[in-house]
């Protein structure tokens, strides 16, 4: 009898604690990029993002769907949701499965504290021919938007999108932007809502 009461109490605590954890999560959606809409490609593409606090950092869980199957995409935190995109920070890759769905988890600062700063100019390593050899100095610039790019121009063309080459992957040969947070105002991206 005593053991069953203890199990009941533990079960109630677990049930009641779950909503408290979920309340700290912030969920928002990504929309087809302006370029994809204009081109009339990937009509069913969508994304769902969940930001979860993890002490001094956040976990960003990204789920995408309606994309071409077995295709690599590159996720960036960006200043502006549409071209010219502004300052951008590479997060990593998301690969879709055979149904065109993909998932990625990224750990970092994804909140009101997401920014880029360069108090001065300095030398930068040139790994690819298109790399800058120094950085421009800039005061803090907040980056509150997300963008997802095709991993290659060839993958974009295979999906019926333009074959424009963009610098949004590790070797700077990505395709067009597929999804973004353009459903939020330029200066009020979804990461700005998080303390």
N, C-alpha and C. Protein backbone atom coordinates (compact mmCIF):
# COMPACT_ATOMS: atom_id res chain seq x y z
N UNK A 1 0.82 -1.20 0.00
CA UNK A 1 0.00 0.00 0.00
C UNK A 1 0.86 1.25 0.00
N UNK A 2 1.90 1.24 0.85
CA UNK A 2 2.78 2.39 0.95
C UNK A 2 3.53 2.61 -0.37
N UNK A 3 3.96 1.50 -1.01
CA UNK A 3 4.66 1.60 -2.29
C UNK A 3 3.78 2.16 -3.38
N UNK A 4 2.51 1.80 -3.40
CA UNK A 4 1.61 2.31 -4.43
C UNK A 4 1.34 3.80 -4.23
N UNK A 5 1.29 4.25 -2.99
CA UNK A 5 1.12 5.70 -2.73
C UNK A 5 2.34 6.47 -3.24
N UNK A 6 3.51 5.92 -2.98
CA UNK A 6 4.74 6.56 -3.44
C UNK A 6 4.76 6.63 -4.97
N UNK A 7 4.36 5.54 -5.63
CA UNK A 7 4.30 5.54 -7.10
C UNK A 7 3.30 6.57 -7.60
N UNK A 8 2.17 6.69 -6.92
CA UNK A 8 1.16 7.67 -7.30
C UNK A 8 1.70 9.09 -7.15
N UNK A 9 2.39 9.35 -6.06
CA UNK A 9 2.96 10.69 -5.83
C UNK A 9 4.01 11.00 -6.88
N UNK A 10 4.89 10.05 -7.19
CA UNK A 10 5.91 10.26 -8.21
C UNK A 10 5.27 10.51 -9.57
N UNK A 11 4.23 9.73 -9.89
CA UNK A 11 3.51 9.93 -11.15
C UNK A 11 2.87 11.30 -11.24
N UNK A 12 2.25 11.76 -10.16
CA UNK A 12 1.64 13.09 -10.15
C UNK A 12 2.68 14.19 -10.31
N UNK A 13 3.80 14.04 -9.65
CA UNK A 13 4.87 15.04 -9.79
C UNK A 13 5.35 15.10 -11.23
N UNK A 14 5.54 13.94 -11.86
CA UNK A 14 5.99 13.92 -13.26
C UNK A 14 4.98 14.58 -14.18
N UNK A 15 3.71 14.30 -13.97
CA UNK A 15 2.65 14.89 -14.80
C UNK A 15 2.57 16.39 -14.59
N UNK A 16 2.64 16.83 -13.37
CA UNK A 16 2.52 18.26 -13.08
C UNK A 16 3.77 19.03 -13.47
N UNK A 17 4.94 18.40 -13.43
CA UNK A 17 6.18 19.09 -13.78
C UNK A 17 6.33 19.26 -15.29
N UNK A 18 5.77 18.38 -16.10
CA UNK A 18 5.92 18.46 -17.55
C UNK A 18 5.46 19.79 -18.12
N UNK A 19 4.27 20.30 -17.78
CA UNK A 19 3.87 21.59 -18.33
C UNK A 19 4.79 22.73 -17.91
N UNK A 20 5.39 22.64 -16.72
CA UNK A 20 6.29 23.70 -16.29
C UNK A 20 7.51 23.78 -17.19
N UNK A 21 8.05 22.64 -17.58
CA UNK A 21 9.19 22.62 -18.48
C UNK A 21 8.77 23.14 -19.85
N UNK A 22 7.63 22.68 -20.35
CA UNK A 22 7.15 23.09 -21.68
C UNK A 22 6.86 24.58 -21.74
N UNK A 23 6.47 25.18 -20.62
CA UNK A 23 6.15 26.61 -20.62
C UNK A 23 7.38 27.45 -20.91
N UNK A 24 8.57 26.95 -20.63
CA UNK A 24 9.80 27.69 -20.89
C UNK A 24 10.23 27.62 -22.34
N UNK A 25 9.65 26.71 -23.12
CA UNK A 25 9.99 26.58 -24.53
C UNK A 25 9.33 27.69 -25.33
N UNK A 26 9.99 28.08 -26.41
CA UNK A 26 9.43 29.07 -27.32
C UNK A 26 9.34 28.41 -28.68
N UNK A 27 8.15 28.39 -29.26
CA UNK A 27 7.93 27.73 -30.55
C UNK A 27 7.52 28.77 -31.59
N UNK A 28 8.13 28.67 -32.77
CA UNK A 28 7.74 29.54 -33.88
C UNK A 28 7.94 28.78 -35.18
N UNK A 29 7.47 29.36 -36.27
CA UNK A 29 7.46 28.67 -37.56
C UNK A 29 8.29 29.43 -38.59
N UNK A 30 8.84 28.66 -39.52
CA UNK A 30 9.55 29.22 -40.66
C UNK A 30 8.66 29.08 -41.89
N UNK A 31 8.77 30.03 -42.80
CA UNK A 31 7.95 30.05 -44.01
C UNK A 31 8.85 29.86 -45.24
N UNK A 32 8.22 29.53 -46.36
CA UNK A 32 8.98 29.48 -47.62
C UNK A 32 9.65 30.83 -47.82
N UNK A 33 10.88 30.79 -48.28
CA UNK A 33 11.62 32.03 -48.50
C UNK A 33 10.98 32.85 -49.63
N UNK A 34 11.29 34.13 -49.64
CA UNK A 34 10.79 35.01 -50.70
C UNK A 34 11.24 34.50 -52.07
N UNK A 35 12.49 34.01 -52.15
CA UNK A 35 13.00 33.49 -53.42
C UNK A 35 12.26 32.25 -53.88
N UNK A 36 11.91 31.36 -52.95
CA UNK A 36 11.17 30.15 -53.31
C UNK A 36 9.75 30.49 -53.74
N UNK A 37 9.13 31.46 -53.07
CA UNK A 37 7.77 31.88 -53.43
C UNK A 37 7.78 32.49 -54.82
N UNK A 38 8.72 33.40 -55.09
CA UNK A 38 8.82 34.04 -56.40
C UNK A 38 9.05 33.02 -57.51
N UNK A 39 9.88 32.02 -57.23
CA UNK A 39 10.18 30.99 -58.23
C UNK A 39 9.08 29.94 -58.35
N UNK A 40 8.16 29.92 -57.40
CA UNK A 40 7.10 28.93 -57.43
C UNK A 40 7.57 27.51 -57.15
N UNK A 41 8.64 27.38 -56.37
CA UNK A 41 9.17 26.04 -56.08
C UNK A 41 8.95 25.67 -54.61
N UNK A 42 9.16 24.44 -54.28
CA UNK A 42 8.96 23.82 -52.96
C UNK A 42 7.69 24.36 -52.27
N UNK A 43 6.52 24.18 -52.90
CA UNK A 43 5.28 24.79 -52.41
C UNK A 43 4.82 24.30 -51.03
N UNK A 44 5.28 23.13 -50.61
CA UNK A 44 4.83 22.58 -49.32
C UNK A 44 5.88 22.70 -48.22
N UNK A 45 6.95 23.43 -48.47
CA UNK A 45 8.04 23.56 -47.50
C UNK A 45 7.58 24.32 -46.26
N UNK A 46 7.99 23.83 -45.11
CA UNK A 46 7.67 24.51 -43.85
C UNK A 46 8.69 24.12 -42.80
N UNK A 47 8.71 24.88 -41.72
CA UNK A 47 9.62 24.59 -40.63
C UNK A 47 9.01 24.97 -39.29
N UNK A 48 9.39 24.24 -38.26
CA UNK A 48 8.94 24.50 -36.89
C UNK A 48 10.18 24.51 -36.01
N UNK A 49 10.30 25.55 -35.19
CA UNK A 49 11.48 25.72 -34.35
C UNK A 49 11.05 25.77 -32.90
N UNK A 50 11.74 25.03 -32.05
CA UNK A 50 11.50 25.07 -30.61
C UNK A 50 12.81 25.46 -29.93
N UNK A 51 12.79 26.56 -29.19
CA UNK A 51 13.95 27.01 -28.43
C UNK A 51 13.70 26.65 -26.97
N UNK A 52 14.63 25.91 -26.39
CA UNK A 52 14.50 25.47 -25.00
C UNK A 52 15.69 25.97 -24.19
N UNK A 53 15.44 26.66 -23.07
CA UNK A 53 16.54 27.12 -22.23
C UNK A 53 17.27 25.94 -21.60
N UNK A 54 18.59 26.02 -21.58
CA UNK A 54 19.43 24.99 -20.97
C UNK A 54 20.49 25.67 -20.11
N UNK A 55 20.05 26.38 -19.08
CA UNK A 55 21.00 27.10 -18.23
C UNK A 55 21.56 28.30 -18.97
N UNK A 56 22.90 28.35 -19.15
CA UNK A 56 23.50 29.53 -19.80
C UNK A 56 23.39 29.53 -21.32
N UNK A 57 22.78 28.50 -21.92
CA UNK A 57 22.62 28.41 -23.38
C UNK A 57 21.20 27.96 -23.70
N UNK A 58 20.89 27.90 -24.98
CA UNK A 58 19.60 27.38 -25.45
C UNK A 58 19.84 26.24 -26.42
N UNK A 59 18.88 25.34 -26.48
CA UNK A 59 18.86 24.31 -27.53
C UNK A 59 17.83 24.75 -28.57
N UNK A 60 18.24 24.78 -29.83
CA UNK A 60 17.34 25.11 -30.92
C UNK A 60 17.05 23.83 -31.69
N UNK A 61 15.80 23.37 -31.61
CA UNK A 61 15.35 22.15 -32.29
C UNK A 61 14.57 22.58 -33.52
N UNK A 62 15.05 22.20 -34.70
CA UNK A 62 14.44 22.62 -35.97
C UNK A 62 13.91 21.40 -36.69
N UNK A 63 12.62 21.44 -37.05
CA UNK A 63 11.99 20.39 -37.83
C UNK A 63 11.53 21.01 -39.15
N UNK A 64 11.89 20.39 -40.27
CA UNK A 64 11.47 20.89 -41.57
C UNK A 64 10.75 19.79 -42.33
N UNK A 65 9.90 20.18 -43.25
CA UNK A 65 9.17 19.21 -44.06
C UNK A 65 8.75 19.83 -45.38
N UNK A 66 8.23 18.99 -46.27
CA UNK A 66 7.80 19.47 -47.58
C UNK A 66 8.96 19.84 -48.48
N UNK A 67 10.14 19.34 -48.16
CA UNK A 67 11.35 19.63 -48.92
C UNK A 67 11.72 18.40 -49.77
N UNK A 68 12.64 18.56 -50.71
CA UNK A 68 13.07 17.41 -51.51
C UNK A 68 13.67 16.33 -50.61
N UNK A 69 13.44 15.06 -50.94
CA UNK A 69 13.99 13.98 -50.12
C UNK A 69 15.51 13.85 -50.27
N UNK A 70 16.12 13.34 -49.20
CA UNK A 70 17.55 13.03 -49.19
C UNK A 70 18.41 14.18 -49.70
N UNK A 71 18.16 15.36 -49.16
CA UNK A 71 18.83 16.57 -49.61
C UNK A 71 19.43 17.30 -48.41
N UNK A 72 20.61 17.86 -48.59
CA UNK A 72 21.28 18.62 -47.53
C UNK A 72 20.89 20.09 -47.59
N UNK A 73 20.64 20.67 -46.42
CA UNK A 73 20.34 22.08 -46.27
C UNK A 73 21.26 22.67 -45.20
N UNK A 74 21.45 23.99 -45.24
CA UNK A 74 22.33 24.68 -44.30
C UNK A 74 21.56 25.74 -43.55
N UNK A 75 21.66 25.70 -42.21
CA UNK A 75 20.91 26.62 -41.35
C UNK A 75 21.82 27.74 -40.85
N UNK A 76 21.31 28.97 -40.94
CA UNK A 76 22.03 30.15 -40.46
C UNK A 76 21.14 30.98 -39.55
N UNK A 77 21.76 31.62 -38.55
CA UNK A 77 21.13 32.72 -37.83
C UNK A 77 21.51 33.97 -38.62
N UNK A 78 20.51 34.79 -38.98
CA UNK A 78 20.75 35.91 -39.89
C UNK A 78 20.15 37.21 -39.36
N UNK A 79 20.65 38.30 -39.87
CA UNK A 79 20.19 39.63 -39.47
C UNK A 79 18.84 39.97 -40.08
N UNK A 80 18.68 39.67 -41.36
CA UNK A 80 17.44 39.98 -42.08
C UNK A 80 16.91 38.70 -42.74
N UNK A 81 15.59 38.49 -42.76
CA UNK A 81 15.06 37.23 -43.29
C UNK A 81 15.14 37.10 -44.81
N UNK A 82 15.23 38.22 -45.50
CA UNK A 82 15.28 38.24 -46.97
C UNK A 82 16.57 38.91 -47.42
N UNK A 83 16.91 38.75 -48.71
CA UNK A 83 18.10 39.39 -49.26
C UNK A 83 18.05 40.89 -48.95
N UNK A 84 19.17 41.47 -48.53
CA UNK A 84 20.54 40.98 -48.60
C UNK A 84 21.00 40.15 -47.39
N UNK A 85 20.14 39.82 -46.45
CA UNK A 85 20.37 38.94 -45.30
C UNK A 85 21.22 39.53 -44.19
N UNK A 86 22.11 40.46 -44.49
CA UNK A 86 22.95 41.07 -43.45
C UNK A 86 23.95 40.07 -42.90
N UNK A 87 24.40 40.32 -41.68
CA UNK A 87 25.38 39.44 -41.05
C UNK A 87 24.72 38.10 -40.75
N UNK A 88 25.47 37.03 -40.97
CA UNK A 88 24.92 35.69 -40.88
C UNK A 88 25.90 34.76 -40.17
N UNK A 89 25.35 33.82 -39.41
CA UNK A 89 26.17 32.92 -38.60
C UNK A 89 25.74 31.48 -38.89
N UNK A 90 26.66 30.69 -39.44
CA UNK A 90 26.39 29.30 -39.81
C UNK A 90 26.18 28.45 -38.57
N UNK A 91 25.07 27.68 -38.54
CA UNK A 91 24.79 26.79 -37.41
C UNK A 91 25.13 25.35 -37.72
N UNK A 92 24.74 24.87 -38.90
CA UNK A 92 25.02 23.49 -39.26
C UNK A 92 24.07 23.00 -40.34
N UNK A 93 24.14 21.71 -40.60
CA UNK A 93 23.37 21.09 -41.68
C UNK A 93 22.13 20.38 -41.16
N UNK A 94 21.13 20.32 -42.01
CA UNK A 94 19.96 19.47 -41.80
C UNK A 94 19.79 18.66 -43.08
N UNK A 95 19.74 17.35 -42.96
CA UNK A 95 19.53 16.48 -44.12
C UNK A 95 18.13 15.90 -44.05
N UNK A 96 17.43 15.97 -45.17
CA UNK A 96 16.08 15.41 -45.22
C UNK A 96 16.14 13.90 -45.44
N UNK A 97 15.09 13.23 -45.00
CA UNK A 97 14.99 11.79 -45.20
C UNK A 97 14.25 11.50 -46.51
N UNK A 98 13.85 10.27 -46.71
CA UNK A 98 13.20 9.88 -47.96
C UNK A 98 11.81 10.50 -48.14
N UNK A 99 11.26 11.09 -47.07
CA UNK A 99 9.95 11.75 -47.17
C UNK A 99 10.07 13.28 -47.25
N UNK A 100 11.30 13.81 -47.27
CA UNK A 100 11.49 15.26 -47.35
C UNK A 100 11.42 15.95 -46.00
N UNK A 101 11.56 15.18 -44.91
CA UNK A 101 11.56 15.75 -43.56
C UNK A 101 12.97 15.70 -42.99
N UNK A 102 13.29 16.69 -42.17
CA UNK A 102 14.61 16.72 -41.54
C UNK A 102 14.52 17.35 -40.16
N UNK A 103 15.50 17.03 -39.33
CA UNK A 103 15.56 17.54 -37.96
C UNK A 103 17.00 17.92 -37.64
N UNK A 104 17.17 19.03 -36.94
CA UNK A 104 18.49 19.44 -36.47
C UNK A 104 18.39 20.02 -35.08
N UNK A 105 19.40 19.76 -34.25
CA UNK A 105 19.49 20.35 -32.93
C UNK A 105 20.80 21.11 -32.83
N UNK A 106 20.71 22.35 -32.34
CA UNK A 106 21.87 23.23 -32.27
C UNK A 106 21.89 23.87 -30.88
N UNK A 107 23.08 23.99 -30.30
CA UNK A 107 23.23 24.57 -28.97
C UNK A 107 24.00 25.87 -29.10
N UNK A 108 23.52 26.93 -28.47
CA UNK A 108 24.18 28.23 -28.50
C UNK A 108 23.32 29.27 -27.82
N UNK A 109 23.57 30.53 -28.16
CA UNK A 109 22.75 31.64 -27.66
C UNK A 109 21.74 31.98 -28.74
N UNK A 110 20.49 31.67 -28.51
CA UNK A 110 19.40 31.94 -29.45
C UNK A 110 18.35 32.73 -28.70
N UNK A 111 18.65 34.01 -28.47
CA UNK A 111 17.81 34.84 -27.61
C UNK A 111 18.08 36.31 -27.91
N UNK A 112 17.62 37.16 -27.02
CA UNK A 112 17.86 38.60 -27.12
C UNK A 112 19.37 38.89 -27.14
N UNK A 113 20.17 37.94 -26.68
CA UNK A 113 21.63 38.12 -26.61
C UNK A 113 22.35 37.59 -27.84
N UNK A 114 21.64 37.30 -28.93
CA UNK A 114 22.28 36.81 -30.15
C UNK A 114 22.76 38.01 -30.96
N UNK A 115 24.08 38.15 -31.07
CA UNK A 115 24.64 39.29 -31.81
C UNK A 115 26.03 38.96 -32.33
N UNK A 116 26.49 39.80 -33.25
CA UNK A 116 27.84 39.73 -33.80
C UNK A 116 28.50 41.07 -33.51
N UNK A 117 29.76 41.06 -33.11
CA UNK A 117 30.49 42.30 -32.84
C UNK A 117 31.93 42.14 -33.32
N UNK A 118 32.50 43.21 -33.82
CA UNK A 118 33.92 43.26 -34.21
C UNK A 118 34.45 44.64 -33.83
N UNK A 119 35.00 44.79 -32.63
CA UNK A 119 35.47 46.11 -32.18
C UNK A 119 36.51 46.72 -33.10
N UNK A 120 37.23 45.89 -33.83
CA UNK A 120 38.23 46.39 -34.77
C UNK A 120 38.42 45.40 -35.89
N UNK A 121 39.24 45.79 -36.86
CA UNK A 121 39.52 44.94 -38.00
C UNK A 121 40.79 44.14 -37.72
N UNK A 122 40.82 42.91 -38.20
CA UNK A 122 41.99 42.07 -38.02
C UNK A 122 42.09 41.06 -39.14
N UNK A 123 43.23 40.39 -39.24
CA UNK A 123 43.40 39.40 -40.31
C UNK A 123 42.47 38.21 -40.09
N UNK A 124 42.01 37.63 -41.18
CA UNK A 124 41.15 36.46 -41.14
C UNK A 124 41.74 35.38 -42.05
N UNK A 125 41.61 34.12 -41.66
CA UNK A 125 42.15 33.05 -42.51
C UNK A 125 41.38 32.96 -43.83
N UNK A 126 42.08 32.77 -44.90
CA UNK A 126 41.47 32.59 -46.21
C UNK A 126 41.54 31.09 -46.54
N UNK A 127 40.40 30.43 -46.40
CA UNK A 127 40.32 29.00 -46.66
C UNK A 127 39.82 28.75 -48.08
N UNK A 128 38.92 29.60 -48.55
CA UNK A 128 38.36 29.51 -49.90
C UNK A 128 38.68 30.81 -50.63
N UNK A 129 38.76 30.75 -51.94
CA UNK A 129 39.14 31.93 -52.74
C UNK A 129 38.22 33.13 -52.49
N UNK A 130 36.96 32.89 -52.12
CA UNK A 130 36.02 34.00 -51.93
C UNK A 130 36.05 34.56 -50.50
N UNK A 131 36.87 33.98 -49.62
CA UNK A 131 36.94 34.45 -48.23
C UNK A 131 37.59 35.82 -48.14
N UNK A 132 37.11 36.63 -47.22
CA UNK A 132 37.73 37.92 -46.92
C UNK A 132 39.01 37.67 -46.13
N UNK A 133 40.02 38.51 -46.34
CA UNK A 133 41.28 38.34 -45.62
C UNK A 133 41.32 39.16 -44.34
N UNK A 134 40.27 39.95 -44.10
CA UNK A 134 40.13 40.68 -42.84
C UNK A 134 38.65 40.95 -42.61
N UNK A 135 38.31 41.24 -41.37
CA UNK A 135 36.91 41.52 -41.05
C UNK A 135 36.65 43.02 -41.03
N UNK A 136 35.42 43.42 -41.36
CA UNK A 136 35.07 44.84 -41.19
C UNK A 136 34.74 45.09 -39.72
N UNK A 137 35.18 46.21 -39.17
CA UNK A 137 34.79 46.51 -37.80
C UNK A 137 33.29 46.83 -37.74
N UNK A 138 32.63 46.41 -36.67
CA UNK A 138 31.22 46.73 -36.51
C UNK A 138 30.86 46.77 -35.03
N UNK A 139 30.00 47.70 -34.71
CA UNK A 139 29.39 47.71 -33.38
C UNK A 139 28.49 46.48 -33.28
N UNK A 140 28.00 46.12 -32.10
CA UNK A 140 27.12 44.96 -31.99
C UNK A 140 25.93 45.05 -32.95
N UNK A 141 25.69 43.96 -33.69
CA UNK A 141 24.56 43.84 -34.60
C UNK A 141 23.79 42.59 -34.19
N UNK A 142 22.54 42.76 -33.82
CA UNK A 142 21.72 41.62 -33.41
C UNK A 142 21.24 40.84 -34.62
N UNK A 143 21.19 39.53 -34.45
CA UNK A 143 20.78 38.62 -35.52
C UNK A 143 19.65 37.75 -34.96
N UNK A 144 18.42 38.12 -35.26
CA UNK A 144 17.24 37.48 -34.65
C UNK A 144 16.43 36.62 -35.61
N UNK A 145 16.93 36.39 -36.83
CA UNK A 145 16.20 35.60 -37.82
C UNK A 145 16.92 34.30 -38.13
N UNK A 146 16.22 33.38 -38.78
CA UNK A 146 16.80 32.12 -39.25
C UNK A 146 16.57 31.98 -40.75
N UNK A 147 17.50 31.33 -41.41
CA UNK A 147 17.37 31.02 -42.83
C UNK A 147 17.92 29.64 -43.11
N UNK A 148 17.28 28.92 -44.01
CA UNK A 148 17.72 27.58 -44.41
C UNK A 148 17.96 27.59 -45.91
N UNK A 149 19.17 27.21 -46.33
CA UNK A 149 19.55 27.23 -47.74
C UNK A 149 19.76 25.81 -48.27
N UNK A 150 19.47 25.62 -49.56
CA UNK A 150 19.83 24.38 -50.23
C UNK A 150 21.35 24.21 -50.11
N UNK A 151 21.82 22.99 -49.86
CA UNK A 151 23.25 22.73 -49.74
C UNK A 151 24.03 22.92 -51.03
N UNK A 152 23.32 22.92 -52.16
CA UNK A 152 23.98 23.15 -53.46
C UNK A 152 22.98 23.74 -54.44
N UNK A 153 23.50 24.44 -55.43
CA UNK A 153 22.65 24.99 -56.49
C UNK A 153 22.02 23.86 -57.29
N UNK A 154 22.76 22.75 -57.47
CA UNK A 154 22.22 21.61 -58.22
C UNK A 154 21.00 21.01 -57.51
N UNK A 155 21.03 20.96 -56.18
CA UNK A 155 19.88 20.44 -55.43
C UNK A 155 18.68 21.36 -55.58
N UNK A 156 18.94 22.67 -55.61
CA UNK A 156 17.85 23.63 -55.81
C UNK A 156 17.22 23.45 -57.19
N UNK A 157 18.05 23.30 -58.21
CA UNK A 157 17.55 23.12 -59.58
C UNK A 157 16.74 21.83 -59.67
N UNK A 158 17.20 20.77 -59.03
CA UNK A 158 16.48 19.49 -59.05
C UNK A 158 15.10 19.62 -58.41
N UNK A 159 14.94 20.61 -57.51
CA UNK A 159 13.65 20.85 -56.86
C UNK A 159 12.80 21.87 -57.61
N UNK A 160 13.27 22.30 -58.79
CA UNK A 160 12.52 23.26 -59.59
C UNK A 160 12.76 24.70 -59.21
N UNK A 161 13.80 24.96 -58.40
CA UNK A 161 14.16 26.32 -57.99
C UNK A 161 15.28 26.85 -58.87
N UNK A 162 15.55 28.16 -58.81
CA UNK A 162 16.66 28.72 -59.58
C UNK A 162 18.00 28.13 -59.14
N UNK A 163 18.97 28.14 -60.04
CA UNK A 163 20.30 27.60 -59.78
C UNK A 163 21.29 28.62 -59.29
N UNK A 164 20.82 29.66 -58.64
CA UNK A 164 21.70 30.72 -58.11
C UNK A 164 22.64 30.14 -57.05
N UNK A 165 23.93 30.46 -57.16
CA UNK A 165 24.91 30.03 -56.17
C UNK A 165 25.03 31.12 -55.11
N UNK A 166 24.95 30.72 -53.84
CA UNK A 166 25.06 31.66 -52.72
C UNK A 166 26.17 31.19 -51.78
N UNK A 167 26.67 32.04 -50.88
CA UNK A 167 27.77 31.65 -50.00
C UNK A 167 27.33 30.94 -48.72
N UNK A 168 26.10 30.44 -48.65
CA UNK A 168 25.54 29.95 -47.39
C UNK A 168 25.76 28.46 -47.15
N UNK A 169 27.00 28.01 -47.27
CA UNK A 169 27.39 26.67 -46.79
C UNK A 169 28.89 26.69 -46.53
N UNK A 170 29.43 25.56 -46.08
CA UNK A 170 30.83 25.51 -45.67
C UNK A 170 31.84 25.85 -46.74
N UNK A 171 31.54 25.55 -48.00
CA UNK A 171 32.48 25.91 -49.07
C UNK A 171 31.95 27.03 -49.97
N UNK A 172 30.88 27.69 -49.50
CA UNK A 172 30.32 28.89 -50.16
C UNK A 172 29.76 28.61 -51.54
N UNK A 173 29.13 27.44 -51.70
CA UNK A 173 28.52 27.07 -53.00
C UNK A 173 27.09 26.58 -52.80
N UNK A 174 26.37 27.20 -51.88
CA UNK A 174 24.99 26.78 -51.59
C UNK A 174 24.04 27.24 -52.68
N UNK A 175 22.84 26.70 -52.62
CA UNK A 175 21.76 27.13 -53.51
C UNK A 175 20.98 28.27 -52.86
N UNK A 176 19.75 28.47 -53.33
CA UNK A 176 18.94 29.57 -52.82
C UNK A 176 18.39 29.25 -51.43
N UNK A 177 17.92 30.28 -50.77
CA UNK A 177 17.28 30.11 -49.47
C UNK A 177 15.94 29.39 -49.67
N UNK A 178 15.68 28.36 -48.87
CA UNK A 178 14.44 27.60 -48.96
C UNK A 178 13.40 28.08 -47.95
N UNK A 179 13.82 28.25 -46.71
CA UNK A 179 12.93 28.69 -45.63
C UNK A 179 13.56 29.85 -44.88
N UNK A 180 12.71 30.67 -44.29
CA UNK A 180 13.22 31.76 -43.44
C UNK A 180 12.13 32.15 -42.44
N UNK A 181 12.50 33.06 -41.57
CA UNK A 181 11.53 33.61 -40.62
C UNK A 181 11.01 34.95 -41.14
N UNK A 182 10.76 35.02 -42.45
CA UNK A 182 10.23 36.25 -43.05
C UNK A 182 8.81 36.54 -42.59
N UNK A 183 8.19 35.59 -41.90
CA UNK A 183 6.87 35.80 -41.32
C UNK A 183 6.94 36.68 -40.07
N UNK A 184 8.15 37.14 -39.73
CA UNK A 184 8.38 38.12 -38.66
C UNK A 184 8.98 39.37 -39.28
N UNK A 185 8.74 40.53 -38.69
CA UNK A 185 9.25 41.80 -39.21
C UNK A 185 10.79 41.80 -39.20
N UNK A 186 11.39 42.57 -40.11
CA UNK A 186 12.85 42.62 -40.23
C UNK A 186 13.57 42.84 -38.91
N UNK A 187 13.11 43.80 -38.13
CA UNK A 187 13.80 44.15 -36.89
C UNK A 187 13.26 43.41 -35.67
N UNK A 188 12.31 42.53 -35.88
CA UNK A 188 11.68 41.81 -34.76
C UNK A 188 11.61 40.31 -35.06
N UNK A 189 12.77 39.73 -35.39
CA UNK A 189 12.83 38.30 -35.63
C UNK A 189 12.46 37.52 -34.38
N UNK A 190 12.14 36.25 -34.52
CA UNK A 190 11.64 35.47 -33.39
C UNK A 190 12.63 35.33 -32.23
N UNK A 191 13.93 35.36 -32.50
CA UNK A 191 14.90 35.24 -31.40
C UNK A 191 14.86 36.46 -30.48
N UNK A 192 14.37 37.57 -30.97
CA UNK A 192 14.28 38.79 -30.15
C UNK A 192 13.27 38.62 -29.01
N UNK A 193 12.33 37.72 -29.17
CA UNK A 193 11.29 37.52 -28.15
C UNK A 193 11.80 36.77 -26.92
N UNK A 194 12.98 36.19 -27.03
CA UNK A 194 13.49 35.35 -25.94
C UNK A 194 14.43 36.12 -25.03
N UNK A 195 14.20 36.07 -23.74
CA UNK A 195 15.08 36.83 -22.82
C UNK A 195 16.47 36.24 -22.73
